[in-house]
N, C-alpha and C. Protein backbone atom coordinates (compact mmCIF):
# COMPACT_ATOMS: atom_id res chain seq x y z
N UNK A 1 -5.76 11.12 1.06
CA UNK A 1 -6.43 11.28 2.32
C UNK A 1 -7.84 10.71 2.23
N UNK A 2 -8.01 9.44 2.49
CA UNK A 2 -9.35 8.86 2.43
C UNK A 2 -10.28 9.47 3.48
N UNK A 3 -11.41 9.98 3.03
CA UNK A 3 -12.41 10.51 3.94
C UNK A 3 -13.24 9.36 4.47
N UNK A 4 -13.39 9.29 5.79
CA UNK A 4 -14.19 8.24 6.41
C UNK A 4 -15.65 8.66 6.41
N UNK A 5 -15.91 9.89 6.87
CA UNK A 5 -17.26 10.43 6.85
C UNK A 5 -17.19 11.93 7.11
N UNK A 6 -18.31 12.59 6.88
CA UNK A 6 -18.47 14.02 7.17
C UNK A 6 -19.71 14.16 8.05
N UNK A 7 -19.60 15.03 9.05
CA UNK A 7 -20.75 15.29 9.91
C UNK A 7 -20.58 16.66 10.56
N UNK A 8 -21.66 17.41 10.63
CA UNK A 8 -21.70 18.72 11.29
C UNK A 8 -20.59 19.66 10.81
N UNK A 9 -20.26 19.59 9.55
CA UNK A 9 -19.24 20.47 8.99
C UNK A 9 -17.81 20.01 9.20
N UNK A 10 -17.62 18.82 9.75
CA UNK A 10 -16.28 18.29 9.97
C UNK A 10 -16.02 17.13 9.02
N UNK A 11 -14.79 17.03 8.57
CA UNK A 11 -14.38 15.90 7.74
C UNK A 11 -13.44 15.03 8.57
N UNK A 12 -13.78 13.76 8.69
CA UNK A 12 -12.98 12.80 9.44
C UNK A 12 -12.23 11.94 8.43
N UNK A 13 -10.93 11.86 8.57
CA UNK A 13 -10.11 11.19 7.56
C UNK A 13 -8.83 10.64 8.17
N UNK A 14 -8.11 9.86 7.37
CA UNK A 14 -6.75 9.47 7.74
C UNK A 14 -5.87 9.67 6.52
N UNK A 15 -4.58 9.73 6.74
CA UNK A 15 -3.62 9.86 5.64
C UNK A 15 -3.25 8.48 5.14
N UNK A 16 -3.07 8.35 3.84
CA UNK A 16 -2.83 7.05 3.24
C UNK A 16 -1.47 6.45 3.59
N UNK A 17 -0.58 7.22 4.20
CA UNK A 17 0.74 6.68 4.56
C UNK A 17 0.85 6.36 6.05
N UNK A 18 -0.27 6.22 6.75
CA UNK A 18 -0.24 6.01 8.19
C UNK A 18 -0.58 4.59 8.62
N UNK A 19 -0.54 3.66 7.71
CA UNK A 19 -0.92 2.28 8.02
C UNK A 19 -0.07 1.61 9.07
N UNK A 20 1.11 2.10 9.32
CA UNK A 20 1.99 1.51 10.33
C UNK A 20 1.64 2.00 11.74
N UNK A 21 0.78 3.01 11.85
CA UNK A 21 0.37 3.55 13.14
C UNK A 21 -0.91 2.85 13.61
N UNK A 22 -1.25 3.05 14.88
CA UNK A 22 -2.52 2.52 15.37
C UNK A 22 -3.66 3.35 14.78
N UNK A 23 -4.83 2.76 14.77
CA UNK A 23 -6.00 3.40 14.17
C UNK A 23 -6.29 4.74 14.85
N UNK A 24 -6.46 5.77 14.03
CA UNK A 24 -6.80 7.10 14.51
C UNK A 24 -7.39 7.91 13.37
N UNK A 25 -7.97 9.06 13.68
CA UNK A 25 -8.54 9.92 12.65
C UNK A 25 -8.00 11.33 12.80
N UNK A 26 -8.01 12.04 11.69
CA UNK A 26 -7.75 13.48 11.67
C UNK A 26 -9.08 14.15 11.38
N UNK A 27 -9.25 15.35 11.87
CA UNK A 27 -10.52 16.06 11.72
C UNK A 27 -10.24 17.48 11.27
N UNK A 28 -10.91 17.89 10.21
CA UNK A 28 -10.84 19.27 9.75
C UNK A 28 -12.24 19.83 9.75
N UNK A 29 -12.38 21.03 10.30
CA UNK A 29 -13.67 21.72 10.29
C UNK A 29 -13.60 22.89 9.34
N UNK A 30 -14.72 23.19 8.71
CA UNK A 30 -14.74 24.27 7.73
C UNK A 30 -14.43 25.61 8.38
N UNK A 31 -14.81 25.77 9.65
CA UNK A 31 -14.55 27.02 10.35
C UNK A 31 -13.22 27.03 11.07
N UNK A 32 -12.54 25.88 11.14
CA UNK A 32 -11.23 25.82 11.75
C UNK A 32 -11.22 25.57 13.24
N UNK A 33 -12.39 25.35 13.88
CA UNK A 33 -12.38 25.03 15.29
C UNK A 33 -13.56 24.12 15.62
N UNK A 34 -13.45 23.44 16.75
CA UNK A 34 -14.50 22.52 17.16
C UNK A 34 -14.51 22.43 18.68
N UNK A 35 -15.63 22.06 19.23
CA UNK A 35 -15.73 21.75 20.65
C UNK A 35 -15.26 20.31 20.83
N UNK A 36 -14.31 20.11 21.70
CA UNK A 36 -13.72 18.78 21.84
C UNK A 36 -14.76 17.76 22.29
N UNK A 37 -15.68 18.13 23.17
CA UNK A 37 -16.68 17.14 23.61
C UNK A 37 -17.58 16.72 22.46
N UNK A 38 -17.87 17.62 21.54
CA UNK A 38 -18.68 17.26 20.38
C UNK A 38 -17.92 16.27 19.50
N UNK A 39 -16.65 16.52 19.28
CA UNK A 39 -15.82 15.63 18.47
C UNK A 39 -15.70 14.26 19.13
N UNK A 40 -15.48 14.24 20.44
CA UNK A 40 -15.36 12.98 21.17
C UNK A 40 -16.64 12.16 21.02
N UNK A 41 -17.78 12.81 21.16
CA UNK A 41 -19.05 12.10 21.03
C UNK A 41 -19.25 11.54 19.62
N UNK A 42 -18.88 12.29 18.61
CA UNK A 42 -19.01 11.81 17.24
C UNK A 42 -18.10 10.60 17.03
N UNK A 43 -16.87 10.68 17.50
CA UNK A 43 -15.93 9.57 17.32
C UNK A 43 -16.42 8.33 18.07
N UNK A 44 -16.94 8.50 19.27
CA UNK A 44 -17.48 7.36 20.01
C UNK A 44 -18.62 6.70 19.24
N UNK A 45 -19.51 7.50 18.68
CA UNK A 45 -20.64 6.97 17.93
C UNK A 45 -20.19 6.22 16.68
N UNK A 46 -19.12 6.68 16.06
CA UNK A 46 -18.65 6.13 14.79
C UNK A 46 -17.43 5.22 14.94
N UNK A 47 -17.06 4.88 16.17
CA UNK A 47 -15.82 4.14 16.41
C UNK A 47 -15.73 2.85 15.61
N UNK A 48 -16.78 2.07 15.57
CA UNK A 48 -16.77 0.81 14.83
C UNK A 48 -16.54 1.05 13.34
N UNK A 49 -17.23 2.03 12.78
CA UNK A 49 -17.06 2.33 11.36
C UNK A 49 -15.65 2.82 11.07
N UNK A 50 -15.09 3.65 11.95
CA UNK A 50 -13.72 4.14 11.76
C UNK A 50 -12.76 2.96 11.70
N UNK A 51 -12.87 2.03 12.64
CA UNK A 51 -11.99 0.86 12.66
C UNK A 51 -12.17 0.02 11.41
N UNK A 52 -13.41 -0.18 10.97
CA UNK A 52 -13.67 -0.97 9.77
C UNK A 52 -13.05 -0.32 8.53
N UNK A 53 -13.21 0.99 8.39
CA UNK A 53 -12.65 1.69 7.23
C UNK A 53 -11.12 1.63 7.27
N UNK A 54 -10.53 1.80 8.45
CA UNK A 54 -9.08 1.69 8.61
C UNK A 54 -8.61 0.31 8.13
N UNK A 55 -9.27 -0.73 8.62
CA UNK A 55 -8.89 -2.09 8.27
C UNK A 55 -9.08 -2.36 6.78
N UNK A 56 -10.17 -1.89 6.22
CA UNK A 56 -10.41 -2.06 4.78
C UNK A 56 -9.28 -1.42 3.96
N UNK A 57 -8.88 -0.23 4.35
CA UNK A 57 -7.88 0.49 3.58
C UNK A 57 -6.48 -0.09 3.75
N UNK A 58 -6.08 -0.35 4.98
CA UNK A 58 -4.69 -0.73 5.22
C UNK A 58 -4.46 -2.25 5.22
N UNK A 59 -5.50 -3.04 5.36
CA UNK A 59 -5.33 -4.49 5.41
C UNK A 59 -5.79 -5.20 4.14
N UNK A 60 -6.05 -4.44 3.08
CA UNK A 60 -6.49 -5.10 1.84
C UNK A 60 -5.39 -5.18 0.84
């Protein structure tokens, strides 16, 4: 499970066997819950980096 980044207590990652799917992230929070608008804003801010990390991992 490559971790893309951590922010505000959340870990953003993808599973190493998902290269056949379109780019997406999984999110785990230490407390087990999150506000969806906060998560959406974080993903929007980091969208370019998420895509780059996905491509680095699955296209290399």
